[in-house]
């Protein structure tokens, strides 16, 4: 969302018009850094969609009237946008106005009412990606070819599942973030969705006996001769390994591709499927809630309890003895 924050800072320059341009540029850089790169990319797309709609209807996008935002969100819902996408669009609009020191038009009751109405409409429920449980993961891994790309994909899928990683976390991994341990691998997450200030967190990945994530990662790094820089990188058809990291979107596409190869609906899977798969499998196997959260990094136990309830929906069912 580079354009919107830039414009927002310019709009708010009245409160600091005496500041030199380089100082304002520095402020702008730190404001952008307050959001993860993936969030900034999404917000940029959302803001572009909003401004294009406003331009097409000859209304102001900055500042935007609550009625304008409500009409835009209604248009997005009618166009079939997912509830999560509409919520993000609203967050992007709020963020742009916040940077411009302008009131958030989305805080108006008229917008709240539209959001409630959208969420209550049939077919607008939040669509969650299917969990790639241990059994699903095993089927996906069995379709990875013995090529370099196949080794990378096995390592990506195995580690992503074992650490309940977000796809953005996998994309950001560097070799220097990995530390060997007698019992497995220590993985440093330098920044995540719930750690925007970059305090960092460490995850322990055991060797394992079934998925064997540590061995998969080592096999990939040795075969690719990667000793520093990004862990997961693009591999060309000819087998050439590029220097840059895979994008988080590419990681989601890899998960979809292997889900399809294993006979599942690719559209139902995504980068979040590995994370959801670990939590769901751990819940099915009776793992302690606190220990699951230790691996996944969830801050709100209610989120994890949702996975636990779904995983145990048929266990000791109240009607199992008479239905």
C-alpha atoms as a PDB file:
ATOM      1  CA  UNK A   1       0.000   0.000   0.000  1.00  0.00           C
ATOM      2  CA  UNK A   2       2.844   2.320  -0.860  1.00  0.00           C
ATOM      3  CA  UNK A   3       0.702   4.962  -2.549  1.00  0.00           C
ATOM      4  CA  UNK A   4      -1.869   5.354   0.211  1.00  0.00           C
ATOM      5  CA  UNK A   5       0.565   5.815   3.123  1.00  0.00           C
ATOM      6  CA  UNK A   6       2.637   8.209   1.017  1.00  0.00           C
ATOM      7  CA  UNK A   7      -0.399  10.280   0.199  1.00  0.00           C
ATOM      8  CA  UNK A   8      -1.555   9.995   3.804  1.00  0.00           C
ATOM      9  CA  UNK A   9       1.690  11.465   5.110  1.00  0.00           C
ATOM     10  CA  UNK A  10       1.461  14.286   2.602  1.00  0.00           C
ATOM     11  CA  UNK A  11      -2.101  15.012   3.664  1.00  0.00           C
ATOM     12  CA  UNK A  12      -1.011  15.157   7.321  1.00  0.00           C
ATOM     13  CA  UNK A  13       1.996  17.354   6.577  1.00  0.00           C
ATOM     14  CA  UNK A  14       0.078  20.331   7.907  1.00  0.00           C
ATOM     15  CA  UNK A  15       0.875  19.207  11.454  1.00  0.00           C
ATOM     16  CA  UNK A  16       4.597  19.106  10.649  1.00  0.00           C
ATOM     17  CA  UNK A  17       4.984  21.191   7.523  1.00  0.00           C
ATOM     18  CA  UNK A  18       8.228  22.682   8.863  1.00  0.00           C
ATOM     19  CA  UNK A  19       9.903  19.276   8.878  1.00  0.00           C
ATOM     20  CA  UNK A  20      12.430  18.725   6.079  1.00  0.00           C
ATOM     21  CA  UNK A  21      11.591  16.245   3.328  1.00  0.00           C
ATOM     22  CA  UNK A  22      14.170  13.691   4.494  1.00  0.00           C
ATOM     23  CA  UNK A  23      12.667  13.684   7.993  1.00  0.00           C
ATOM     24  CA  UNK A  24       9.184  13.106   6.589  1.00  0.00           C
ATOM     25  CA  UNK A  25      10.583  10.316   4.401  1.00  0.00           C
ATOM     26  CA  UNK A  26      12.111   8.662   7.470  1.00  0.00           C
ATOM     27  CA  UNK A  27       8.786   8.848   9.306  1.00  0.00           C
ATOM     28  CA  UNK A  28       7.073   7.305   6.285  1.00  0.00           C
ATOM     29  CA  UNK A  29       9.578   4.426   6.222  1.00  0.00           C
ATOM     30  CA  UNK A  30       8.951   3.585   9.874  1.00  0.00           C
ATOM     31  CA  UNK A  31       5.209   3.784   9.398  1.00  0.00           C
ATOM     32  CA  UNK A  32       5.434   1.273   6.567  1.00  0.00           C
ATOM     33  CA  UNK A  33       7.684  -0.977   8.645  1.00  0.00           C
ATOM     34  CA  UNK A  34       4.956  -1.212  11.307  1.00  0.00           C
ATOM     35  CA  UNK A  35       3.162  -3.689   9.044  1.00  0.00           C
ATOM     36  CA  UNK A  36       4.457  -7.021   7.731  1.00  0.00           C
ATOM     37  CA  UNK A  37       5.410  -7.041   4.038  1.00  0.00           C
ATOM     38  CA  UNK A  38       2.560  -9.406   3.183  1.00  0.00           C
ATOM     39  CA  UNK A  39       0.098  -7.101   4.932  1.00  0.00           C
ATOM     40  CA  UNK A  40       1.459  -4.070   3.100  1.00  0.00           C
ATOM     41  CA  UNK A  41       1.082  -5.847  -0.246  1.00  0.00           C
ATOM     42  CA  UNK A  42      -2.488  -6.803   0.574  1.00  0.00           C
ATOM     43  CA  UNK A  43      -3.346  -3.303   1.801  1.00  0.00           C
ATOM     44  CA  UNK A  44      -1.877  -1.787  -1.372  1.00  0.00           C
ATOM     45  CA  UNK A  45      -4.154  -3.993  -3.462  1.00  0.00           C
ATOM     46  CA  UNK A  46      -7.140  -3.183  -1.240  1.00  0.00           C
ATOM     47  CA  UNK A  47      -6.478   0.544  -1.400  1.00  0.00           C
ATOM     48  CA  UNK A  48      -6.150   0.414  -5.190  1.00  0.00           C
ATOM     49  CA  UNK A  49      -9.518  -1.354  -5.400  1.00  0.00           C
ATOM     50  CA  UNK A  50     -11.125   1.253  -3.150  1.00  0.00           C
ATOM     51  CA  UNK A  51      -9.681   4.287  -4.959  1.00  0.00           C
ATOM     52  CA  UNK A  52     -10.620   2.835  -8.359  1.00  0.00           C
ATOM     53  CA  UNK A  53     -14.197   2.356  -7.167  1.00  0.00           C
ATOM     54  CA  UNK A  54     -14.291   5.889  -5.747  1.00  0.00           C
ATOM     55  CA  UNK A  55     -12.907   7.364  -8.962  1.00  0.00           C
ATOM     56  CA  UNK A  56     -15.525   5.472 -10.938  1.00  0.00           C
ATOM     57  CA  UNK A  57     -18.278   6.921  -8.774  1.00  0.00           C
ATOM     58  CA  UNK A  58     -16.791  10.423  -8.518  1.00  0.00           C
ATOM     59  CA  UNK A  59     -16.490  10.366  -4.728  1.00  0.00           C
ATOM     60  CA  UNK A  60     -13.551  11.116  -2.448  1.00  0.00           C
ATOM     61  CA  UNK A  61     -11.391   8.261  -1.182  1.00  0.00           C
ATOM     62  CA  UNK A  62      -9.297  10.462   1.150  1.00  0.00           C
ATOM     63  CA  UNK A  63     -11.009  11.503   3.274  1.00  0.00           C
ATOM     64  CA  UNK A  64     -13.811   9.027   2.633  1.00  0.00           C
ATOM     65  CA  UNK A  65     -17.316   9.451   3.973  1.00  0.00           C
ATOM     66  CA  UNK A  66     -18.776   6.529   5.963  1.00  0.00           C
ATOM     67  CA  UNK A  67     -21.519   6.238   3.353  1.00  0.00           C
ATOM     68  CA  UNK A  68     -18.861   5.838   0.657  1.00  0.00           C
ATOM     69  CA  UNK A  69     -17.130   3.038   2.560  1.00  0.00           C
ATOM     70  CA  UNK A  70     -20.441   1.317   3.251  1.00  0.00           C
ATOM     71  CA  UNK A  71     -21.388   1.460  -0.440  1.00  0.00           C
ATOM     72  CA  UNK A  72     -17.976   0.134  -1.486  1.00  0.00           C
ATOM     73  CA  UNK A  73     -18.151  -2.818   0.918  1.00  0.00           C
ATOM     74  CA  UNK A  74     -21.682  -3.604  -0.274  1.00  0.00           C
ATOM     75  CA  UNK A  75     -20.386  -3.604  -3.854  1.00  0.00           C
ATOM     76  CA  UNK A  76     -17.575  -6.001  -2.867  1.00  0.00           C
ATOM     77  CA  UNK A  77     -20.033  -8.359  -1.187  1.00  0.00           C
ATOM     78  CA  UNK A  78     -22.296  -8.323  -4.251  1.00  0.00           C
ATOM     79  CA  UNK A  79     -19.239  -9.153  -6.379  1.00  0.00           C
ATOM     80  CA  UNK A  80     -18.716 -12.313  -4.340  1.00  0.00           C
ATOM     81  CA  UNK A  81     -15.692 -11.264  -2.273  1.00  0.00           C
ATOM     82  CA  UNK A  82     -14.980 -13.440   0.762  1.00  0.00           C
ATOM     83  CA  UNK A  83     -15.846 -12.067   4.189  1.00  0.00           C
ATOM     84  CA  UNK A  84     -12.156 -12.088   5.131  1.00  0.00           C
ATOM     85  CA  UNK A  85     -11.264 -10.047   2.035  1.00  0.00           C
ATOM     86  CA  UNK A  86     -13.958  -7.477   2.798  1.00  0.00           C
ATOM     87  CA  UNK A  87     -12.696  -7.196   6.369  1.00  0.00           C
ATOM     88  CA  UNK A  88      -9.175  -6.599   5.109  1.00  0.00           C
ATOM     89  CA  UNK A  89     -10.400  -3.968   2.631  1.00  0.00           C
ATOM     90  CA  UNK A  90     -11.957  -2.111   5.567  1.00  0.00           C
ATOM     91  CA  UNK A  91      -8.733  -2.401   7.595  1.00  0.00           C
ATOM     92  CA  UNK A  92      -6.728  -0.949   4.683  1.00  0.00           C
ATOM     93  CA  UNK A  93      -9.041   2.048   4.448  1.00  0.00           C
ATOM     94  CA  UNK A  94      -8.776   2.598   8.202  1.00  0.00           C
ATOM     95  CA  UNK A  95      -4.979   2.361   8.075  1.00  0.00           C
ATOM     96  CA  UNK A  96      -4.694   4.967   5.299  1.00  0.00           C
ATOM     97  CA  UNK A  97      -6.878   7.402   7.228  1.00  0.00           C
ATOM     98  CA  UNK A  98      -4.947   6.764  10.442  1.00  0.00           C
ATOM     99  CA  UNK A  99      -1.664   7.698   8.741  1.00  0.00           C
ATOM    100  CA  UNK A 100      -3.304  10.848   7.439  1.00  0.00           C
ATOM    101  CA  UNK A 101      -4.513  11.759  10.950  1.00  0.00           C
ATOM    102  CA  UNK A 102      -8.071  11.600   9.670  1.00  0.00           C
ATOM    103  CA  UNK A 103     -11.085   9.999  11.372  1.00  0.00           C
ATOM    104  CA  UNK A 104     -11.647   6.376  10.461  1.00  0.00           C
ATOM    105  CA  UNK A 105     -14.802   6.291   8.324  1.00  0.00           C
ATOM    106  CA  UNK A 106     -15.131   2.584   9.054  1.00  0.00           C
ATOM    107  CA  UNK A 107     -15.792   3.307  12.729  1.00  0.00           C
ATOM    108  CA  UNK A 108     -19.183   4.786  11.841  1.00  0.00           C
ATOM    109  CA  UNK A 109     -22.282   2.815  12.821  1.00  0.00           C
ATOM    110  CA  UNK A 110     -23.467   2.808   9.195  1.00  0.00           C
ATOM    111  CA  UNK A 111     -20.373   0.799   8.208  1.00  0.00           C
ATOM    112  CA  UNK A 112     -20.722  -1.529  11.216  1.00  0.00           C
ATOM    113  CA  UNK A 113     -24.286  -2.290  10.182  1.00  0.00           C
ATOM    114  CA  UNK A 114     -23.214  -3.130   6.613  1.00  0.00           C
ATOM    115  CA  UNK A 115     -20.448  -5.449   7.870  1.00  0.00           C
ATOM    116  CA  UNK A 116     -22.901  -7.265  10.146  1.00  0.00           C
ATOM    117  CA  UNK A 117     -25.342  -7.630   7.278  1.00  0.00           C
ATOM    118  CA  UNK A 118     -22.642  -8.991   4.960  1.00  0.00           C
ATOM    119  CA  UNK A 119     -21.528 -11.594   7.485  1.00  0.00           C
ATOM    120  CA  UNK A 120     -25.090 -12.771   8.045  1.00  0.00           C
ATOM    121  CA  UNK A 121     -25.855 -13.291   4.385  1.00  0.00           C
ATOM    122  CA  UNK A 122     -25.941 -16.914   3.190  1.00  0.00           C
ATOM    123  CA  UNK A 123     -22.673 -17.959   1.616  1.00  0.00           C
ATOM    124  CA  UNK A 124     -20.679 -15.183   3.288  1.00  0.00           C
ATOM    125  CA  UNK A 125     -19.365 -17.220   6.191  1.00  0.00           C
ATOM    126  CA  UNK A 126     -15.590 -17.232   6.691  1.00  0.00           C
ATOM    127  CA  UNK A 127     -14.083 -19.914   4.484  1.00  0.00           C
ATOM    128  CA  UNK A 128     -11.291 -21.726   6.300  1.00  0.00           C
ATOM    129  CA  UNK A 129      -8.662 -23.717   4.468  1.00  0.00           C
ATOM    130  CA  UNK A 130      -8.746 -27.487   4.920  1.00  0.00           C
ATOM    131  CA  UNK A 131      -6.282 -28.773   7.501  1.00  0.00           C
ATOM    132  CA  UNK A 132      -3.451 -30.861   6.075  1.00  0.00           C
ATOM    133  CA  UNK A 133      -3.420 -33.393   8.914  1.00  0.00           C
ATOM    134  CA  UNK A 134      -0.637 -35.963   9.347  1.00  0.00           C
ATOM    135  CA  UNK A 135      -2.468 -38.424   7.095  1.00  0.00           C
ATOM    136  CA  UNK A 136      -3.100 -35.805   4.394  1.00  0.00           C
ATOM    137  CA  UNK A 137       0.507 -34.615   4.634  1.00  0.00           C
ATOM    138  CA  UNK A 138       1.816 -38.166   4.161  1.00  0.00           C
ATOM    139  CA  UNK A 139      -0.220 -38.465   0.956  1.00  0.00           C
ATOM    140  CA  UNK A 140       1.096 -35.122  -0.276  1.00  0.00           C
ATOM    141  CA  UNK A 141       4.725 -36.013   0.477  1.00  0.00           C
ATOM    142  CA  UNK A 142       4.409 -39.285  -1.425  1.00  0.00           C
ATOM    143  CA  UNK A 143       3.896 -37.305  -4.637  1.00  0.00           C
ATOM    144  CA  UNK A 144       7.097 -35.270  -4.390  1.00  0.00           C
ATOM    145  CA  UNK A 145       9.537 -36.248  -7.167  1.00  0.00           C
ATOM    146  CA  UNK A 146      13.209 -37.050  -6.448  1.00  0.00           C
ATOM    147  CA  UNK A 147      14.312 -33.837  -8.200  1.00  0.00           C
ATOM    148  CA  UNK A 148      15.761 -30.765  -6.498  1.00  0.00           C
ATOM    149  CA  UNK A 149      12.359 -29.087  -6.576  1.00  0.00           C
ATOM    150  CA  UNK A 150      10.870 -32.221  -5.063  1.00  0.00           C
ATOM    151  CA  UNK A 151      13.403 -32.211  -2.215  1.00  0.00           C
ATOM    152  CA  UNK A 152      12.641 -28.558  -1.575  1.00  0.00           C
ATOM    153  CA  UNK A 153       8.918 -29.220  -1.526  1.00  0.00           C
ATOM    154  CA  UNK A 154       9.269 -32.166   0.861  1.00  0.00           C
ATOM    155  CA  UNK A 155      11.336 -30.004   3.215  1.00  0.00           C
ATOM    156  CA  UNK A 156       8.871 -27.131   2.923  1.00  0.00           C
ATOM    157  CA  UNK A 157       5.813 -29.264   3.581  1.00  0.00           C
ATOM    158  CA  UNK A 158       7.457 -31.241   6.380  1.00  0.00           C
ATOM    159  CA  UNK A 159       8.888 -28.255   8.229  1.00  0.00           C
ATOM    160  CA  UNK A 160       5.789 -26.144   7.667  1.00  0.00           C
ATOM    161  CA  UNK A 161       3.676 -28.844   9.273  1.00  0.00           C
ATOM    162  CA  UNK A 162       6.090 -29.718  12.108  1.00  0.00           C
ATOM    163  CA  UNK A 163       6.400 -26.126  13.286  1.00  0.00           C
ATOM    164  CA  UNK A 164       2.843 -25.009  12.508  1.00  0.00           C
ATOM    165  CA  UNK A 165       4.468 -22.211  10.543  1.00  0.00           C
ATOM    166  CA  UNK A 166       2.696 -19.424   8.727  1.00  0.00           C
ATOM    167  CA  UNK A 167       3.661 -19.251   5.061  1.00  0.00           C
ATOM    168  CA  UNK A 168       5.199 -15.804   5.618  1.00  0.00           C
ATOM    169  CA  UNK A 169       7.439 -17.292   8.296  1.00  0.00           C
ATOM    170  CA  UNK A 170       8.604 -20.060   5.958  1.00  0.00           C
ATOM    171  CA  UNK A 171       9.311 -17.536   3.207  1.00  0.00           C
ATOM    172  CA  UNK A 172      11.434 -15.427   5.574  1.00  0.00           C
ATOM    173  CA  UNK A 173      13.567 -18.297   6.919  1.00  0.00           C
ATOM    174  CA  UNK A 174      17.333 -17.984   6.526  1.00  0.00           C
ATOM    175  CA  UNK A 175      19.920 -20.722   6.999  1.00  0.00           C
ATOM    176  CA  UNK A 176      21.296 -18.698   9.916  1.00  0.00           C
ATOM    177  CA  UNK A 177      17.898 -19.114  11.624  1.00  0.00           C
ATOM    178  CA  UNK A 178      18.470 -22.879  11.889  1.00  0.00           C
ATOM    179  CA  UNK A 179      20.490 -24.343  14.753  1.00  0.00           C
ATOM    180  CA  UNK A 180      21.231 -28.052  15.052  1.00  0.00           C
ATOM    181  CA  UNK A 181      20.345 -29.762  18.320  1.00  0.00           C
ATOM    182  CA  UNK A 182      20.798 -33.320  19.507  1.00  0.00           C
ATOM    183  CA  UNK A 183      17.020 -33.711  19.622  1.00  0.00           C
ATOM    184  CA  UNK A 184      16.268 -31.959  16.345  1.00  0.00           C
ATOM    185  CA  UNK A 185      16.412 -28.394  15.088  1.00  0.00           C
ATOM    186  CA  UNK A 186      15.912 -24.997  16.672  1.00  0.00           C
ATOM    187  CA  UNK A 187      14.267 -22.510  14.294  1.00  0.00           C
ATOM    188  CA  UNK A 188      14.358 -18.782  14.952  1.00  0.00           C
ATOM    189  CA  UNK A 189      11.342 -16.787  13.778  1.00  0.00           C
ATOM    190  CA  UNK A 190      12.688 -13.254  13.527  1.00  0.00           C
ATOM    191  CA  UNK A 191       9.303 -11.662  12.876  1.00  0.00           C
ATOM    192  CA  UNK A 192       5.769 -12.960  12.599  1.00  0.00           C
ATOM    193  CA  UNK A 193       2.166 -11.831  12.367  1.00  0.00           C
ATOM    194  CA  UNK A 194       1.919 -11.618  16.163  1.00  0.00           C
ATOM    195  CA  UNK A 195       5.432 -10.191  16.583  1.00  0.00           C
ATOM    196  CA  UNK A 196       5.538  -7.117  14.353  1.00  0.00           C
ATOM    197  CA  UNK A 197       8.297  -5.506  16.420  1.00  0.00           C
ATOM    198  CA  UNK A 198      10.683  -8.371  15.640  1.00  0.00           C
ATOM    199  CA  UNK A 199      11.448  -9.545  19.163  1.00  0.00           C
ATOM    200  CA  UNK A 200      11.855 -13.023  17.746  1.00  0.00           C
ATOM    201  CA  UNK A 201      10.778 -16.464  18.931  1.00  0.00           C
ATOM    202  CA  UNK A 202      12.267 -19.930  18.693  1.00  0.00           C
ATOM    203  CA  UNK A 203      10.563 -23.167  17.750  1.00  0.00           C
ATOM    204  CA  UNK A 204      11.850 -26.639  18.524  1.00  0.00           C
ATOM    205  CA  UNK A 205      11.464 -29.149  15.685  1.00  0.00           C
ATOM    206  CA  UNK A 206      12.022 -32.776  16.788  1.00  0.00           C
ATOM    207  CA  UNK A 207      13.615 -35.327  14.468  1.00  0.00           C
ATOM    208  CA  UNK A 208      10.384 -37.335  14.340  1.00  0.00           C
ATOM    209  CA  UNK A 209       9.823 -40.890  13.133  1.00  0.00           C
ATOM    210  CA  UNK A 210       7.114 -40.424  10.516  1.00  0.00           C
ATOM    211  CA  UNK A 211       7.387 -37.032   8.795  1.00  0.00           C
ATOM    212  CA  UNK A 212      11.081 -36.646   9.756  1.00  0.00           C
ATOM    213  CA  UNK A 213      11.109 -32.872   9.093  1.00  0.00           C
ATOM    214  CA  UNK A 214      14.696 -32.279  10.207  1.00  0.00           C
ATOM    215  CA  UNK A 215      16.059 -34.896   7.809  1.00  0.00           C
ATOM    216  CA  UNK A 216      13.967 -33.436   4.971  1.00  0.00           C
ATOM    217  CA  UNK A 217      15.380 -29.949   5.558  1.00  0.00           C
ATOM    218  CA  UNK A 218      18.934 -31.240   5.725  1.00  0.00           C
ATOM    219  CA  UNK A 219      18.495 -33.296   2.544  1.00  0.00           C
ATOM    220  CA  UNK A 220      17.293 -30.203   0.684  1.00  0.00           C
ATOM    221  CA  UNK A 221      20.064 -27.908   1.904  1.00  0.00           C
ATOM    222  CA  UNK A 222      22.788 -30.453   1.126  1.00  0.00           C
ATOM    223  CA  UNK A 223      21.403 -31.294  -2.320  1.00  0.00           C
ATOM    224  CA  UNK A 224      20.977 -27.597  -3.170  1.00  0.00           C
ATOM    225  CA  UNK A 225      24.362 -26.684  -1.668  1.00  0.00           C
ATOM    226  CA  UNK A 226      22.764 -23.852   0.275  1.00  0.00           C
ATOM    227  CA  UNK A 227      24.913 -22.657   3.180  1.00  0.00           C
ATOM    228  CA  UNK A 228      23.511 -19.176   3.768  1.00  0.00           C
ATOM    229  CA  UNK A 229      20.653 -16.915   2.738  1.00  0.00           C
ATOM    230  CA  UNK A 230      17.038 -18.007   2.201  1.00  0.00           C
ATOM    231  CA  UNK A 231      16.215 -21.627   3.034  1.00  0.00           C
ATOM    232  CA  UNK A 232      13.417 -22.031   0.500  1.00  0.00           C
ATOM    233  CA  UNK A 233      14.103 -20.715  -3.019  1.00  0.00           C
ATOM    234  CA  UNK A 234      12.680 -20.987  -6.524  1.00  0.00           C
ATOM    235  CA  UNK A 235      14.037 -23.837  -8.647  1.00  0.00           C
ATOM    236  CA  UNK A 236      13.881 -23.515 -12.439  1.00  0.00           C
ATOM    237  CA  UNK A 237      12.747 -26.332 -14.722  1.00  0.00           C
ATOM    238  CA  UNK A 238      16.384 -26.967 -15.562  1.00  0.00           C
ATOM    239  CA  UNK A 239      17.201 -27.366 -11.870  1.00  0.00           C
ATOM    240  CA  UNK A 240      18.871 -23.996 -11.369  1.00  0.00           C
ATOM    241  CA  UNK A 241      18.383 -22.639  -7.859  1.00  0.00           C
ATOM    242  CA  UNK A 242      17.788 -18.914  -7.645  1.00  0.00           C
ATOM    243  CA  UNK A 243      19.216 -16.682  -4.926  1.00  0.00           C
ATOM    244  CA  UNK A 244      15.993 -15.061  -3.726  1.00  0.00           C
ATOM    245  CA  UNK A 245      13.436 -16.571  -1.369  1.00  0.00           C
ATOM    246  CA  UNK A 246      10.143 -18.114  -2.377  1.00  0.00           C
ATOM    247  CA  UNK A 247       7.234 -15.734  -1.878  1.00  0.00           C
ATOM    248  CA  UNK A 248       4.509 -16.602   0.598  1.00  0.00           C
ATOM    249  CA  UNK A 249       2.101 -16.841  -2.326  1.00  0.00           C
ATOM    250  CA  UNK A 250       4.348 -19.414  -4.025  1.00  0.00           C
ATOM    251  CA  UNK A 251       4.333 -21.463  -0.836  1.00  0.00           C
ATOM    252  CA  UNK A 252       0.546 -21.487  -0.857  1.00  0.00           C
ATOM    253  CA  UNK A 253       0.588 -22.613  -4.492  1.00  0.00           C
ATOM    254  CA  UNK A 254       2.958 -25.487  -3.645  1.00  0.00           C
ATOM    255  CA  UNK A 255       0.585 -26.707  -0.937  1.00  0.00           C
ATOM    256  CA  UNK A 256      -2.331 -26.540  -3.371  1.00  0.00           C
ATOM    257  CA  UNK A 257      -0.411 -28.439  -6.052  1.00  0.00           C
ATOM    258  CA  UNK A 258       0.490 -31.351  -3.802  1.00  0.00           C
ATOM    259  CA  UNK A 259      -3.001 -31.481  -2.326  1.00  0.00           C
ATOM    260  CA  UNK A 260      -4.329 -31.843  -5.871  1.00  0.00           C
ATOM    261  CA  UNK A 261      -1.732 -34.508  -6.706  1.00  0.00           C
ATOM    262  CA  UNK A 262      -2.860 -36.466  -3.633  1.00  0.00           C
ATOM    263  CA  UNK A 263      -6.473 -36.441  -4.840  1.00  0.00           C
ATOM    264  CA  UNK A 264      -7.838 -33.560  -2.767  1.00  0.00           C
ATOM    265  CA  UNK A 265      -9.534 -30.361  -3.958  1.00  0.00           C
ATOM    266  CA  UNK A 266      -6.672 -27.865  -4.427  1.00  0.00           C
ATOM    267  CA  UNK A 267      -9.008 -24.918  -3.917  1.00  0.00           C
ATOM    268  CA  UNK A 268      -9.705 -26.090  -0.359  1.00  0.00           C
ATOM    269  CA  UNK A 269      -6.013 -25.950   0.598  1.00  0.00           C
ATOM    270  CA  UNK A 270      -3.501 -23.151   1.025  1.00  0.00           C
ATOM    271  CA  UNK A 271      -0.466 -22.071   2.988  1.00  0.00           C
ATOM    272  CA  UNK A 272      -2.488 -22.082   6.228  1.00  0.00           C
ATOM    273  CA  UNK A 273      -3.349 -25.774   5.745  1.00  0.00           C
ATOM    274  CA  UNK A 274       0.006 -26.918   7.157  1.00  0.00           C
ATOM    275  CA  UNK A 275      -0.427 -24.834  10.310  1.00  0.00           C
ATOM    276  CA  UNK A 276      -4.028 -25.940  10.734  1.00  0.00           C
ATOM    277  CA  UNK A 277      -2.995 -29.529  10.045  1.00  0.00           C
ATOM    278  CA  UNK A 278      -0.487 -29.629  12.888  1.00  0.00           C
ATOM    279  CA  UNK A 279      -2.909 -28.106  15.403  1.00  0.00           C
ATOM    280  CA  UNK A 280      -5.723 -30.426  14.312  1.00  0.00           C
ATOM    281  CA  UNK A 281      -3.554 -33.552  14.415  1.00  0.00           C
ATOM    282  CA  UNK A 282      -2.121 -32.620  17.812  1.00  0.00           C
ATOM    283  CA  UNK A 283      -5.669 -32.118  19.133  1.00  0.00           C
ATOM    284  CA  UNK A 284      -6.783 -35.468  17.691  1.00  0.00           C
ATOM    285  CA  UNK A 285      -3.872 -37.174  19.455  1.00  0.00           C
ATOM    286  CA  UNK A 286      -4.805 -35.591  22.794  1.00  0.00           C
ATOM    287  CA  UNK A 287      -1.962 -33.068  23.072  1.00  0.00           C
ATOM    288  CA  UNK A 288      -2.239 -30.480  25.847  1.00  0.00           C
ATOM    289  CA  UNK A 289      -3.655 -27.117  24.766  1.00  0.00           C
ATOM    290  CA  UNK A 290      -0.717 -25.176  26.227  1.00  0.00           C
ATOM    291  CA  UNK A 291       1.781 -27.407  24.422  1.00  0.00           C
ATOM    292  CA  UNK A 292      -0.049 -26.950  21.109  1.00  0.00           C
ATOM    293  CA  UNK A 293       0.050 -23.173  21.558  1.00  0.00           C
ATOM    294  CA  UNK A 294       3.752 -23.413  22.377  1.00  0.00           C
ATOM    295  CA  UNK A 295       4.390 -24.769  18.904  1.00  0.00           C
ATOM    296  CA  UNK A 296       1.818 -22.782  16.929  1.00  0.00           C
ATOM    297  CA  UNK A 297       2.490 -19.463  18.653  1.00  0.00           C
ATOM    298  CA  UNK A 298      -1.223 -18.702  19.013  1.00  0.00           C
ATOM    299  CA  UNK A 299      -1.856 -16.052  21.647  1.00  0.00           C
ATOM    300  CA  UNK A 300      -5.581 -16.608  22.061  1.00  0.00           C
ATOM    301  CA  UNK A 301      -6.513 -20.075  23.363  1.00  0.00           C
ATOM    302  CA  UNK A 302     -10.003 -19.649  21.903  1.00  0.00           C
ATOM    303  CA  UNK A 303      -8.551 -19.958  18.406  1.00  0.00           C
ATOM    304  CA  UNK A 304      -6.877 -23.260  19.235  1.00  0.00           C
ATOM    305  CA  UNK A 305      -9.957 -24.506  21.099  1.00  0.00           C
ATOM    306  CA  UNK A 306     -11.864 -24.155  17.830  1.00  0.00           C
ATOM    307  CA  UNK A 307      -9.482 -26.667  16.225  1.00  0.00           C
ATOM    308  CA  UNK A 308      -9.728 -28.948  19.269  1.00  0.00           C
ATOM    309  CA  UNK A 309     -13.528 -28.971  19.166  1.00  0.00           C
ATOM    310  CA  UNK A 310     -13.587 -29.815  15.457  1.00  0.00           C
ATOM    311  CA  UNK A 311     -10.955 -32.518  15.903  1.00  0.00           C
ATOM    312  CA  UNK A 312     -12.865 -34.148  18.769  1.00  0.00           C
ATOM    313  CA  UNK A 313     -16.395 -33.597  17.451  1.00  0.00           C
ATOM    314  CA  UNK A 314     -17.101 -37.333  17.177  1.00  0.00           C
ATOM    315  CA  UNK A 315     -15.151 -38.521  20.220  1.00  0.00           C
ATOM    316  CA  UNK A 316     -17.399 -39.590  23.092  1.00  0.00           C
ATOM    317  CA  UNK A 317     -20.373 -38.150  21.214  1.00  0.00           C
ATOM    318  CA  UNK A 318     -23.439 -37.782  23.451  1.00  0.00           C
ATOM    319  CA  UNK A 319     -25.459 -39.941  21.088  1.00  0.00           C
ATOM    320  CA  UNK A 320     -22.863 -42.590  20.287  1.00  0.00           C
ATOM    321  CA  UNK A 321     -24.483 -45.144  22.597  1.00  0.00           C
ATOM    322  CA  UNK A 322     -27.986 -45.005  21.130  1.00  0.00           C
ATOM    323  CA  UNK A 323     -27.881 -43.557  17.610  1.00  0.00           C
END
